Each structure stands twice: as structure tokens, then as C-alpha cells.
Amino acid sequence: MIMTAINLNRELFENYVNDENKAVLVDYWAPWCVYCRRIAPAYEKIAEQYGNLIHVAKVNIDEEQALAIQEQIEVIPTLVLYKGGQALGSIVAPESKAAIEAFIQETLNL
């Protein structure tokens, strides 16, 4: 089964972010964001590659504005890694799949 990024709404966000067992990488994005669309294929590859290790998810900030405000997202795309209800780290506008991988590995000490 090929893993793909999960689209999160507020309720799903709370469930995934508060998971004590598995970290979740959340991509805050919007359909009008050109750079978000450009990095999307690399993000889907991350979902395929790391789907067994972490949850890989997306939040459309146009649909979930309150969530973006709550999480203090000011620039998109912003990727945030959460575990057990805590944000472990974030990366803004990663330039490549390699940059996303490096962020995951450094943040989770893999």
C-alpha cells in the first residue's frame, strides 16, 4: 500500500498531534501558494518513504484558518513535526526532499 499525506481538519489534527507513539509531520499549505504546489510531489515521496515511521499530513490553511492561527503559522509552506502534543521543530519553505529528510532525521534523532 502506498502511503500518502493525510489531509487534516481540526479534529483529526488533535488526534494525530497528541499521539504519544508516533510523530506527525504537518505541512501547512494553501492551493494558491505556488511554492507549496512545487514542493508537494517531494512531500508525497516523504509520505511514501516515512509513512511507517511517522504520520505525514497536510493542513490547508484556507480551510483551517483557526488552526493556522493557533499554531502561529505565518509563512507557507511551513512543516512542523509534533509528538505527544508538542511541536518538536519546524522548517519553513524547504528547498528539496533532502532538506525535509534532514529535518526529520535531525529532529527525531534518527
PDB file of N, CA and C in Angstrom:
ATOM      1  N   MET A   1       0.839  -1.190   0.000  1.00  0.00           N
ATOM      2  CA  MET A   1       0.000   0.000   0.000  1.00  0.00           C
ATOM      3  C   MET A   1       0.881   1.249   0.000  1.00  0.00           C
ATOM      4  N   ILE A   2       0.618   2.147  -0.892  1.00  0.00           N
ATOM      5  CA  ILE A   2       1.379   3.396  -0.962  1.00  0.00           C
ATOM      6  C   ILE A   2       0.785   4.396   0.018  1.00  0.00           C
ATOM      7  N   MET A   3       1.645   4.943   0.863  1.00  0.00           N
ATOM      8  CA  MET A   3       1.210   5.931   1.837  1.00  0.00           C
ATOM      9  C   MET A   3       1.151   7.293   1.159  1.00  0.00           C
ATOM     10  N   THR A   4       0.124   8.063   1.490  1.00  0.00           N
ATOM     11  CA  THR A   4       0.037   9.437   1.011  1.00  0.00           C
ATOM     12  C   THR A   4      -0.212  10.343   2.209  1.00  0.00           C
ATOM     13  N   ALA A   5       0.041  11.622   2.015  1.00  0.00           N
ATOM     14  CA  ALA A   5      -0.171  12.584   3.095  1.00  0.00           C
ATOM     15  C   ALA A   5      -1.660  12.644   3.435  1.00  0.00           C
ATOM     16  N   ILE A   6      -1.956  12.709   4.719  1.00  0.00           N
ATOM     17  CA  ILE A   6      -3.323  12.747   5.233  1.00  0.00           C
ATOM     18  C   ILE A   6      -3.765  14.206   5.309  1.00  0.00           C
ATOM     19  N   ASN A   7      -4.941  14.504   4.792  1.00  0.00           N
ATOM     20  CA  ASN A   7      -5.490  15.853   4.931  1.00  0.00           C
ATOM     21  C   ASN A   7      -6.163  15.975   6.291  1.00  0.00           C
ATOM     22  N   LEU A   8      -5.707  16.942   7.082  1.00  0.00           N
ATOM     23  CA  LEU A   8      -6.218  17.093   8.441  1.00  0.00           C
ATOM     24  C   LEU A   8      -7.189  18.258   8.568  1.00  0.00           C
ATOM     25  N   ASN A   9      -8.274  17.988   9.299  1.00  0.00           N
ATOM     26  CA  ASN A   9      -9.129  19.070   9.773  1.00  0.00           C
ATOM     27  C   ASN A   9      -8.811  19.223  11.266  1.00  0.00           C
ATOM     28  N   ARG A  10      -9.502  20.103  11.956  1.00  0.00           N
ATOM     29  CA  ARG A  10      -9.188  20.378  13.363  1.00  0.00           C
ATOM     30  C   ARG A  10      -9.248  19.120  14.230  1.00  0.00           C
ATOM     31  N   GLU A  11     -10.300  18.339  14.066  1.00  0.00           N
ATOM     32  CA  GLU A  11     -10.489  17.136  14.894  1.00  0.00           C
ATOM     33  C   GLU A  11      -9.378  16.114  14.643  1.00  0.00           C
ATOM     34  N   LEU A  12      -9.104  15.834  13.371  1.00  0.00           N
ATOM     35  CA  LEU A  12      -8.031  14.893  13.044  1.00  0.00           C
ATOM     36  C   LEU A  12      -6.672  15.415  13.522  1.00  0.00           C
ATOM     37  N   PHE A  13      -6.471  16.722  13.391  1.00  0.00           N
ATOM     38  CA  PHE A  13      -5.228  17.342  13.832  1.00  0.00           C
ATOM     39  C   PHE A  13      -4.971  17.014  15.303  1.00  0.00           C
ATOM     40  N   GLU A  14      -5.988  17.211  16.144  1.00  0.00           N
ATOM     41  CA  GLU A  14      -5.838  16.946  17.588  1.00  0.00           C
ATOM     42  C   GLU A  14      -5.477  15.481  17.824  1.00  0.00           C
ATOM     43  N   ASN A  15      -6.131  14.566  17.107  1.00  0.00           N
ATOM     44  CA  ASN A  15      -5.859  13.137  17.280  1.00  0.00           C
ATOM     45  C   ASN A  15      -4.413  12.791  16.922  1.00  0.00           C
ATOM     46  N   TYR A  16      -3.951  13.272  15.784  1.00  0.00           N
ATOM     47  CA  TYR A  16      -2.605  12.936  15.325  1.00  0.00           C
ATOM     48  C   TYR A  16      -1.524  13.624  16.151  1.00  0.00           C
ATOM     49  N   VAL A  17      -1.714  14.900  16.435  1.00  0.00           N
ATOM     50  CA  VAL A  17      -0.688  15.662  17.162  1.00  0.00           C
ATOM     51  C   VAL A  17      -0.500  15.128  18.585  1.00  0.00           C
ATOM     52  N   ASN A  18      -1.576  14.644  19.183  1.00  0.00           N
ATOM     53  CA  ASN A  18      -1.494  14.151  20.562  1.00  0.00           C
ATOM     54  C   ASN A  18      -1.082  12.688  20.664  1.00  0.00           C
ATOM     55  N   ASP A  19      -0.781  12.053  19.538  1.00  0.00           N
ATOM     56  CA  ASP A  19      -0.331  10.659  19.539  1.00  0.00           C
ATOM     57  C   ASP A  19       1.021  10.569  20.245  1.00  0.00           C
ATOM     58  N   GLU A  20       1.073   9.773  21.298  1.00  0.00           N
ATOM     59  CA  GLU A  20       2.315   9.607  22.067  1.00  0.00           C
ATOM     60  C   GLU A  20       3.295   8.655  21.373  1.00  0.00           C
ATOM     61  N   ASN A  21       2.766   7.767  20.528  1.00  0.00           N
ATOM     62  CA  ASN A  21       3.580   6.695  19.957  1.00  0.00           C
ATOM     63  C   ASN A  21       4.255   7.045  18.638  1.00  0.00           C
ATOM     64  N   LYS A  22       3.627   7.906  17.867  1.00  0.00           N
ATOM     65  CA  LYS A  22       4.129   8.175  16.528  1.00  0.00           C
ATOM     66  C   LYS A  22       4.109   9.677  16.257  1.00  0.00           C
ATOM     67  N   ALA A  23       5.236  10.204  15.813  1.00  0.00           N
ATOM     68  CA  ALA A  23       5.302  11.625  15.474  1.00  0.00           C
ATOM     69  C   ALA A  23       4.491  11.892  14.213  1.00  0.00           C
ATOM     70  N   VAL A  24       4.110  13.154  14.026  1.00  0.00           N
ATOM     71  CA  VAL A  24       3.383  13.551  12.815  1.00  0.00           C
ATOM     72  C   VAL A  24       4.051  14.794  12.231  1.00  0.00           C
ATOM     73  N   LEU A  25       4.312  14.741  10.936  1.00  0.00           N
ATOM     74  CA  LEU A  25       4.859  15.877  10.203  1.00  0.00           C
ATOM     75  C   LEU A  25       3.687  16.538   9.493  1.00  0.00           C
ATOM     76  N   VAL A  26       3.443  17.814   9.794  1.00  0.00           N
ATOM     77  CA  VAL A  26       2.311  18.535   9.213  1.00  0.00           C
ATOM     78  C   VAL A  26       2.826  19.631   8.292  1.00  0.00           C
ATOM     79  N   ASP A  27       2.323  19.610   7.063  1.00  0.00           N
ATOM     80  CA  ASP A  27       2.627  20.631   6.067  1.00  0.00           C
ATOM     81  C   ASP A  27       1.470  21.615   6.048  1.00  0.00           C
ATOM     82  N   TYR A  28       1.731  22.853   6.467  1.00  0.00           N
ATOM     83  CA  TYR A  28       0.727  23.914   6.379  1.00  0.00           C
ATOM     84  C   TYR A  28       0.876  24.548   5.004  1.00  0.00           C
ATOM     85  N   TRP A  29      -0.192  24.544   4.215  1.00  0.00           N
ATOM     86  CA  TRP A  29      -0.123  24.969   2.817  1.00  0.00           C
ATOM     87  C   TRP A  29      -1.446  25.602   2.394  1.00  0.00           C
ATOM     88  N   ALA A  30      -1.477  26.113   1.168  1.00  0.00           N
ATOM     89  CA  ALA A  30      -2.714  26.632   0.569  1.00  0.00           C
ATOM     90  C   ALA A  30      -2.658  26.398  -0.938  1.00  0.00           C
ATOM     91  N   PRO A  31      -3.824  26.194  -1.564  1.00  0.00           N
ATOM     92  CA  PRO A  31      -3.859  25.915  -3.007  1.00  0.00           C
ATOM     93  C   PRO A  31      -3.273  27.048  -3.866  1.00  0.00           C
ATOM     94  N   TRP A  32      -3.354  28.279  -3.414  1.00  0.00           N
ATOM     95  CA  TRP A  32      -2.854  29.427  -4.181  1.00  0.00           C
ATOM     96  C   TRP A  32      -1.346  29.631  -4.037  1.00  0.00           C
ATOM     97  N   CYS A  33      -0.721  28.878  -3.139  1.00  0.00           N
ATOM     98  CA  CYS A  33       0.721  29.023  -2.866  1.00  0.00           C
ATOM     99  C   CYS A  33       1.521  28.243  -3.908  1.00  0.00           C
ATOM    100  N   VAL A  34       2.188  28.961  -4.802  1.00  0.00           N
ATOM    101  CA  VAL A  34       2.956  28.328  -5.881  1.00  0.00           C
ATOM    102  C   VAL A  34       4.046  27.426  -5.322  1.00  0.00           C
ATOM    103  N   TYR A  35       4.772  27.893  -4.327  1.00  0.00           N
ATOM    104  CA  TYR A  35       5.854  27.087  -3.778  1.00  0.00           C
ATOM    105  C   TYR A  35       5.312  25.833  -3.080  1.00  0.00           C
ATOM    106  N   CYS A  36       4.137  25.950  -2.459  1.00  0.00           N
ATOM    107  CA  CYS A  36       3.501  24.774  -1.838  1.00  0.00           C
ATOM    108  C   CYS A  36       3.245  23.698  -2.888  1.00  0.00           C
ATOM    109  N   ARG A  37       2.727  24.123  -4.048  1.00  0.00           N
ATOM    110  CA  ARG A  37       2.448  23.164  -5.126  1.00  0.00           C
ATOM    111  C   ARG A  37       3.746  22.573  -5.666  1.00  0.00           C
ATOM    112  N   ARG A  38       4.799  23.368  -5.710  1.00  0.00           N
ATOM    113  CA  ARG A  38       6.073  22.896  -6.247  1.00  0.00           C
ATOM    114  C   ARG A  38       6.699  21.828  -5.338  1.00  0.00           C
ATOM    115  N   ILE A  39       6.569  21.993  -4.031  1.00  0.00           N
ATOM    116  CA  ILE A  39       7.191  21.043  -3.098  1.00  0.00           C
ATOM    117  C   ILE A  39       6.283  19.822  -2.845  1.00  0.00           C
ATOM    118  N   ALA A  40       5.013  19.888  -3.256  1.00  0.00           N
ATOM    119  CA  ALA A  40       4.038  18.810  -2.988  1.00  0.00           C
ATOM    120  C   ALA A  40       4.496  17.426  -3.455  1.00  0.00           C
ATOM    121  N   PRO A  41       5.047  17.258  -4.666  1.00  0.00           N
ATOM    122  CA  PRO A  41       5.491  15.916  -5.071  1.00  0.00           C
ATOM    123  C   PRO A  41       6.586  15.353  -4.153  1.00  0.00           C
ATOM    124  N   ALA A  42       7.506  16.196  -3.712  1.00  0.00           N
ATOM    125  CA  ALA A  42       8.558  15.748  -2.788  1.00  0.00           C
ATOM    126  C   ALA A  42       7.931  15.348  -1.457  1.00  0.00           C
ATOM    127  N   TYR A  43       6.915  16.103  -1.024  1.00  0.00           N
ATOM    128  CA  TYR A  43       6.250  15.799   0.244  1.00  0.00           C
ATOM    129  C   TYR A  43       5.526  14.461   0.161  1.00  0.00           C
ATOM    130  N   GLU A  44       4.909  14.178  -0.984  1.00  0.00           N
ATOM    131  CA  GLU A  44       4.247  12.882  -1.162  1.00  0.00           C
ATOM    132  C   GLU A  44       5.274  11.741  -1.125  1.00  0.00           C
ATOM    133  N   LYS A  45       6.467  11.982  -1.657  1.00  0.00           N
ATOM    134  CA  LYS A  45       7.532  10.963  -1.590  1.00  0.00           C
ATOM    135  C   LYS A  45       7.953  10.727  -0.135  1.00  0.00           C
ATOM    136  N   ILE A  46       7.974  11.789   0.651  1.00  0.00           N
ATOM    137  CA  ILE A  46       8.267  11.658   2.086  1.00  0.00           C
ATOM    138  C   ILE A  46       7.205  10.778   2.739  1.00  0.00           C
ATOM    139  N   ALA A  47       5.937  10.987   2.369  1.00  0.00           N
ATOM    140  CA  ALA A  47       4.845  10.176   2.920  1.00  0.00           C
ATOM    141  C   ALA A  47       5.049   8.704   2.584  1.00  0.00           C
ATOM    142  N   GLU A  48       5.446   8.426   1.336  1.00  0.00           N
ATOM    143  CA  GLU A  48       5.698   7.041   0.920  1.00  0.00           C
ATOM    144  C   GLU A  48       6.868   6.442   1.700  1.00  0.00           C
ATOM    145  N   GLN A  49       7.927   7.210   1.830  1.00  0.00           N
ATOM    146  CA  GLN A  49       9.167   6.709   2.414  1.00  0.00           C
ATOM    147  C   GLN A  49       9.112   6.590   3.936  1.00  0.00           C
ATOM    148  N   TYR A  50       8.455   7.562   4.595  1.00  0.00           N
ATOM    149  CA  TYR A  50       8.467   7.613   6.058  1.00  0.00           C
ATOM    150  C   TYR A  50       7.131   7.234   6.681  1.00  0.00           C
ATOM    151  N   GLY A  51       6.149   6.832   5.864  1.00  0.00           N
ATOM    152  CA  GLY A  51       4.803   6.544   6.350  1.00  0.00           C
ATOM    153  C   GLY A  51       4.722   5.493   7.435  1.00  0.00           C
ATOM    154  N   ASN A  52       5.672   4.567   7.472  1.00  0.00           N
ATOM    155  CA  ASN A  52       5.666   3.547   8.520  1.00  0.00           C
ATOM    156  C   ASN A  52       6.265   4.068   9.822  1.00  0.00           C
ATOM    157  N   LEU A  53       7.079   5.100   9.712  1.00  0.00           N
ATOM    158  CA  LEU A  53       7.801   5.642  10.866  1.00  0.00           C
ATOM    159  C   LEU A  53       7.046   6.795  11.534  1.00  0.00           C
ATOM    160  N   ILE A  54       6.497   7.683  10.708  1.00  0.00           N
ATOM    161  CA  ILE A  54       5.756   8.847  11.209  1.00  0.00           C
ATOM    162  C   ILE A  54       4.487   9.041  10.385  1.00  0.00           C
ATOM    163  N   HIS A  55       3.539   9.776  10.947  1.00  0.00           N
ATOM    164  CA  HIS A  55       2.371  10.199  10.171  1.00  0.00           C
ATOM    165  C   HIS A  55       2.819  11.398   9.336  1.00  0.00           C
ATOM    166  N   VAL A  56       2.387  11.453   8.089  1.00  0.00           N
ATOM    167  CA  VAL A  56       2.700  12.582   7.216  1.00  0.00           C
ATOM    168  C   VAL A  56       1.352  13.195   6.823  1.00  0.00           C
ATOM    169  N   ALA A  57       1.177  14.473   7.153  1.00  0.00           N
ATOM    170  CA  ALA A  57      -0.135  15.097   6.996  1.00  0.00           C
ATOM    171  C   ALA A  57      -0.030  16.516   6.442  1.00  0.00           C
ATOM    172  N   LYS A  58      -1.189  17.039   6.024  1.00  0.00           N
ATOM    173  CA  LYS A  58      -1.266  18.391   5.459  1.00  0.00           C
ATOM    174  C   LYS A  58      -2.447  19.120   6.074  1.00  0.00           C
ATOM    175  N   VAL A  59      -2.285  20.430   6.240  1.00  0.00           N
ATOM    176  CA  VAL A  59      -3.382  21.281   6.680  1.00  0.00           C
ATOM    177  C   VAL A  59      -3.507  22.422   5.681  1.00  0.00           C
ATOM    178  N   ASN A  60      -4.673  22.508   5.033  1.00  0.00           N
ATOM    179  CA  ASN A  60      -4.971  23.609   4.115  1.00  0.00           C
ATOM    180  C   ASN A  60      -5.362  24.805   4.978  1.00  0.00           C
ATOM    181  N   ILE A  61      -4.515  25.834   5.021  1.00  0.00           N
ATOM    182  CA  ILE A  61      -4.771  26.960   5.923  1.00  0.00           C
ATOM    183  C   ILE A  61      -5.987  27.792   5.510  1.00  0.00           C
ATOM    184  N   ASP A  62      -6.421  27.686   4.255  1.00  0.00           N
ATOM    185  CA  ASP A  62      -7.637  28.387   3.835  1.00  0.00           C
ATOM    186  C   ASP A  62      -8.864  27.729   4.472  1.00  0.00           C
ATOM    187  N   GLU A  63      -8.822  26.404   4.613  1.00  0.00           N
ATOM    188  CA  GLU A  63      -9.943  25.665   5.203  1.00  0.00           C
ATOM    189  C   GLU A  63      -9.864  25.621   6.721  1.00  0.00           C
ATOM    190  N   GLU A  64      -8.662  25.718   7.260  1.00  0.00           N
ATOM    191  CA  GLU A  64      -8.450  25.612   8.710  1.00  0.00           C
ATOM    192  C   GLU A  64      -7.688  26.832   9.229  1.00  0.00           C
ATOM    193  N   GLN A  65      -8.268  28.026   9.009  1.00  0.00           N
ATOM    194  CA  GLN A  65      -7.605  29.268   9.406  1.00  0.00           C
ATOM    195  C   GLN A  65      -7.350  29.341  10.908  1.00  0.00           C
ATOM    196  N   ALA A  66      -8.321  28.905  11.708  1.00  0.00           N
ATOM    197  CA  ALA A  66      -8.172  28.970  13.163  1.00  0.00           C
ATOM    198  C   ALA A  66      -6.993  28.111  13.629  1.00  0.00           C
ATOM    199  N   LEU A  67      -6.821  26.977  12.987  1.00  0.00           N
ATOM    200  CA  LEU A  67      -5.717  26.078  13.319  1.00  0.00           C
ATOM    201  C   LEU A  67      -4.370  26.722  12.978  1.00  0.00           C
ATOM    202  N   ALA A  68      -4.304  27.369  11.815  1.00  0.00           N
ATOM    203  CA  ALA A  68      -3.070  28.051  11.415  1.00  0.00           C
ATOM    204  C   ALA A  68      -2.733  29.169  12.402  1.00  0.00           C
ATOM    205  N   ILE A  69      -3.741  29.892  12.850  1.00  0.00           N
ATOM    206  CA  ILE A  69      -3.528  30.965  13.829  1.00  0.00           C
ATOM    207  C   ILE A  69      -3.082  30.371  15.159  1.00  0.00           C
ATOM    208  N   GLN A  70      -3.760  29.307  15.598  1.00  0.00           N
ATOM    209  CA  GLN A  70      -3.420  28.642  16.865  1.00  0.00           C
ATOM    210  C   GLN A  70      -1.964  28.167  16.860  1.00  0.00           C
ATOM    211  N   GLU A  71      -1.522  27.646  15.726  1.00  0.00           N
ATOM    212  CA  GLU A  71      -0.159  27.104  15.627  1.00  0.00           C
ATOM    213  C   GLU A  71       0.859  28.161  15.186  1.00  0.00           C
ATOM    214  N   GLN A  72       0.410  29.413  15.080  1.00  0.00           N
ATOM    215  CA  GLN A  72       1.269  30.559  14.755  1.00  0.00           C
ATOM    216  C   GLN A  72       2.013  30.389  13.425  1.00  0.00           C
ATOM    217  N   ILE A  73       1.270  29.918  12.416  1.00  0.00           N
ATOM    218  CA  ILE A  73       1.845  29.760  11.080  1.00  0.00           C
ATOM    219  C   ILE A  73       1.748  31.099  10.365  1.00  0.00           C
ATOM    220  N   GLU A  74       2.882  31.669  10.025  1.00  0.00           N
ATOM    221  CA  GLU A  74       2.909  32.984   9.389  1.00  0.00           C
ATOM    222  C   GLU A  74       3.362  32.923   7.939  1.00  0.00           C
ATOM    223  N   VAL A  75       4.128  31.903   7.573  1.00  0.00           N
ATOM    224  CA  VAL A  75       4.648  31.743   6.217  1.00  0.00           C
ATOM    225  C   VAL A  75       4.337  30.319   5.775  1.00  0.00           C
ATOM    226  N   ILE A  76       3.940  30.169   4.505  1.00  0.00           N
ATOM    227  CA  ILE A  76       3.729  28.806   3.998  1.00  0.00           C
ATOM    228  C   ILE A  76       4.622  28.585   2.781  1.00  0.00           C
ATOM    229  N   PRO A  77       5.031  27.361   2.529  1.00  0.00           N
ATOM    230  CA  PRO A  77       4.753  26.194   3.365  1.00  0.00           C
ATOM    231  C   PRO A  77       5.631  26.169   4.613  1.00  0.00           C
ATOM    232  N   THR A  78       5.014  25.790   5.726  1.00  0.00           N
ATOM    233  CA  THR A  78       5.745  25.525   6.964  1.00  0.00           C
ATOM    234  C   THR A  78       5.453  24.082   7.343  1.00  0.00           C
ATOM    235  N   LEU A  79       6.504  23.321   7.628  1.00  0.00           N
ATOM    236  CA  LEU A  79       6.363  21.943   8.084  1.00  0.00           C
ATOM    237  C   LEU A  79       6.706  21.905   9.569  1.00  0.00           C
ATOM    238  N   VAL A  80       5.822  21.301  10.355  1.00  0.00           N
ATOM    239  CA  VAL A  80       6.031  21.194  11.796  1.00  0.00           C
ATOM    240  C   VAL A  80       5.963  19.726  12.181  1.00  0.00           C
ATOM    241  N   LEU A  81       6.911  19.301  12.999  1.00  0.00           N
ATOM    242  CA  LEU A  81       6.951  17.922  13.493  1.00  0.00           C
ATOM    243  C   LEU A  81       6.445  17.921  14.931  1.00  0.00           C
ATOM    244  N   TYR A  82       5.397  17.128  15.190  1.00  0.00           N
ATOM    245  CA  TYR A  82       4.783  17.052  16.515  1.00  0.00           C
ATOM    246  C   TYR A  82       4.905  15.633  17.063  1.00  0.00           C
ATOM    247  N   LYS A  83       4.926  15.544  18.378  1.00  0.00           N
ATOM    248  CA  LYS A  83       4.792  14.235  19.030  1.00  0.00           C
ATOM    249  C   LYS A  83       4.247  14.461  20.432  1.00  0.00           C
ATOM    250  N   GLY A  84       3.244  13.673  20.800  1.00  0.00           N
ATOM    251  CA  GLY A  84       2.668  13.776  22.136  1.00  0.00           C
ATOM    252  C   GLY A  84       2.154  15.161  22.466  1.00  0.00           C
ATOM    253  N   GLY A  85       1.605  15.855  21.483  1.00  0.00           N
ATOM    254  CA  GLY A  85       1.025  17.166  21.721  1.00  0.00           C
ATOM    255  C   GLY A  85       2.008  18.322  21.665  1.00  0.00           C
ATOM    256  N   GLN A  86       3.274  18.039  21.463  1.00  0.00           N
ATOM    257  CA  GLN A  86       4.300  19.080  21.437  1.00  0.00           C
ATOM    258  C   GLN A  86       4.898  19.251  20.054  1.00  0.00           C
ATOM    259  N   ALA A  87       5.144  20.503  19.664  1.00  0.00           N
ATOM    260  CA  ALA A  87       5.874  20.774  18.428  1.00  0.00           C
ATOM    261  C   ALA A  87       7.351  20.572  18.736  1.00  0.00           C
ATOM    262  N   LEU A  88       7.992  19.668  18.002  1.00  0.00           N
ATOM    263  CA  LEU A  88       9.415  19.374  18.227  1.00  0.00           C
ATOM    264  C   LEU A  88      10.319  20.300  17.426  1.00  0.00           C
ATOM    265  N   GLY A  89       9.785  20.809  16.300  1.00  0.00           N
ATOM    266  CA  GLY A  89      10.577  21.683  15.448  1.00  0.00           C
ATOM    267  C   GLY A  89       9.813  22.004  14.188  1.00  0.00           C
ATOM    268  N   SER A  90      10.331  22.973  13.428  1.00  0.00           N
ATOM    269  CA  SER A  90       9.673  23.342  12.172  1.00  0.00           C
ATOM    270  C   SER A  90      10.707  23.767  11.142  1.00  0.00           C
ATOM    271  N   ILE A  91      10.283  23.708   9.889  1.00  0.00           N
ATOM    272  CA  ILE A  91      11.114  24.154   8.768  1.00  0.00           C
ATOM    273  C   ILE A  91      10.202  24.931   7.821  1.00  0.00           C
ATOM    274  N   VAL A  92      10.661  26.101   7.394  1.00  0.00           N
ATOM    275  CA  VAL A  92       9.871  26.953   6.504  1.00  0.00           C
ATOM    276  C   VAL A  92      10.417  26.846   5.084  1.00  0.00           C
ATOM    277  N   ALA A  93       9.517  26.618   4.141  1.00  0.00           N
ATOM    278  CA  ALA A  93       9.853  26.557   2.711  1.00  0.00           C
ATOM    279  C   ALA A  93      11.086  25.700   2.420  1.00  0.00           C
ATOM    280  N   PRO A  94      11.026  24.406   2.777  1.00  0.00           N
ATOM    281  CA  PRO A  94      12.174  23.533   2.478  1.00  0.00           C
ATOM    282  C   PRO A  94      12.437  23.499   0.983  1.00  0.00           C
ATOM    283  N   GLU A  95      13.717  23.529   0.611  1.00  0.00           N
ATOM    284  CA  GLU A  95      14.041  23.652  -0.816  1.00  0.00           C
ATOM    285  C   GLU A  95      14.033  22.323  -1.560  1.00  0.00           C
ATOM    286  N   SER A  96      13.976  21.206  -0.823  1.00  0.00           N
ATOM    287  CA  SER A  96      14.042  19.913  -1.502  1.00  0.00           C
ATOM    288  C   SER A  96      13.562  18.790  -0.586  1.00  0.00           C
ATOM    289  N   LYS A  97      13.369  17.618  -1.172  1.00  0.00           N
ATOM    290  CA  LYS A  97      13.047  16.424  -0.398  1.00  0.00           C
ATOM    291  C   LYS A  97      14.173  16.128   0.581  1.00  0.00           C
ATOM    292  N   ALA A  98      15.415  16.320   0.148  1.00  0.00           N
ATOM    293  CA  ALA A  98      16.577  16.084   1.019  1.00  0.00           C
ATOM    294  C   ALA A  98      16.529  16.981   2.252  1.00  0.00           C
ATOM    295  N   ALA A  99      16.098  18.226   2.075  1.00  0.00           N
ATOM    296  CA  ALA A  99      16.000  19.152   3.208  1.00  0.00           C
ATOM    297  C   ALA A  99      14.935  18.678   4.197  1.00  0.00           C
ATOM    298  N   ILE A 100      13.819  18.155   3.671  1.00  0.00           N
ATOM    299  CA  ILE A 100      12.756  17.639   4.539  1.00  0.00           C
ATOM    300  C   ILE A 100      13.266  16.407   5.293  1.00  0.00           C
ATOM    301  N   GLU A 101      13.952  15.521   4.585  1.00  0.00           N
ATOM    302  CA  GLU A 101      14.506  14.321   5.215  1.00  0.00           C
ATOM    303  C   GLU A 101      15.498  14.684   6.315  1.00  0.00           C
ATOM    304  N   ALA A 102      16.377  15.622   6.043  1.00  0.00           N
ATOM    305  CA  ALA A 102      17.371  16.052   7.029  1.00  0.00           C
ATOM    306  C   ALA A 102      16.670  16.607   8.266  1.00  0.00           C
ATOM    307  N   PHE A 103      15.621  17.395   8.041  1.00  0.00           N
ATOM    308  CA  PHE A 103      14.846  17.960   9.162  1.00  0.00           C
ATOM    309  C   PHE A 103      14.231  16.852  10.016  1.00  0.00           C
ATOM    310  N   ILE A 104      13.620  15.859   9.373  1.00  0.00           N
ATOM    311  CA  ILE A 104      13.000  14.741  10.104  1.00  0.00           C
ATOM    312  C   ILE A 104      14.069  13.994  10.899  1.00  0.00           C
ATOM    313  N   GLN A 105      15.171  13.662  10.252  1.00  0.00           N
ATOM    314  CA  GLN A 105      16.216  12.867  10.901  1.00  0.00           C
ATOM    315  C   GLN A 105      16.861  13.624  12.059  1.00  0.00           C
ATOM    316  N   GLU A 106      17.119  14.910  11.867  1.00  0.00           N
ATOM    317  CA  GLU A 106      17.740  15.695  12.948  1.00  0.00           C
ATOM    318  C   GLU A 106      16.768  15.875  14.119  1.00  0.00           C
ATOM    319  N   THR A 107      15.513  16.161  13.806  1.00  0.00           N
ATOM    320  CA  THR A 107      14.528  16.435  14.862  1.00  0.00           C
ATOM    321  C   THR A 107      14.203  15.188  15.674  1.00  0.00           C
ATOM    322  N   LEU A 108      14.149  14.025  14.999  1.00  0.00           N
ATOM    323  CA  LEU A 108      13.818  12.771  15.687  1.00  0.00           C
ATOM    324  C   LEU A 108      15.054  11.967  16.083  1.00  0.00           C
ATOM    325  N   ASN A 109      16.224  12.514  15.814  1.00  0.00           N
ATOM    326  CA  ASN A 109      17.488  11.815  16.126  1.00  0.00           C
ATOM    327  C   ASN A 109      17.538  10.422  15.514  1.00  0.00           C
ATOM    328  N   LEU A 110      17.245  10.339  14.218  1.00  0.00           N
ATOM    329  CA  LEU A 110      17.261   9.028  13.532  1.00  0.00           C
ATOM    330  C   LEU A 110      18.651   8.678  13.052  1.00  0.00           C
TER     331      LEU A 110
END
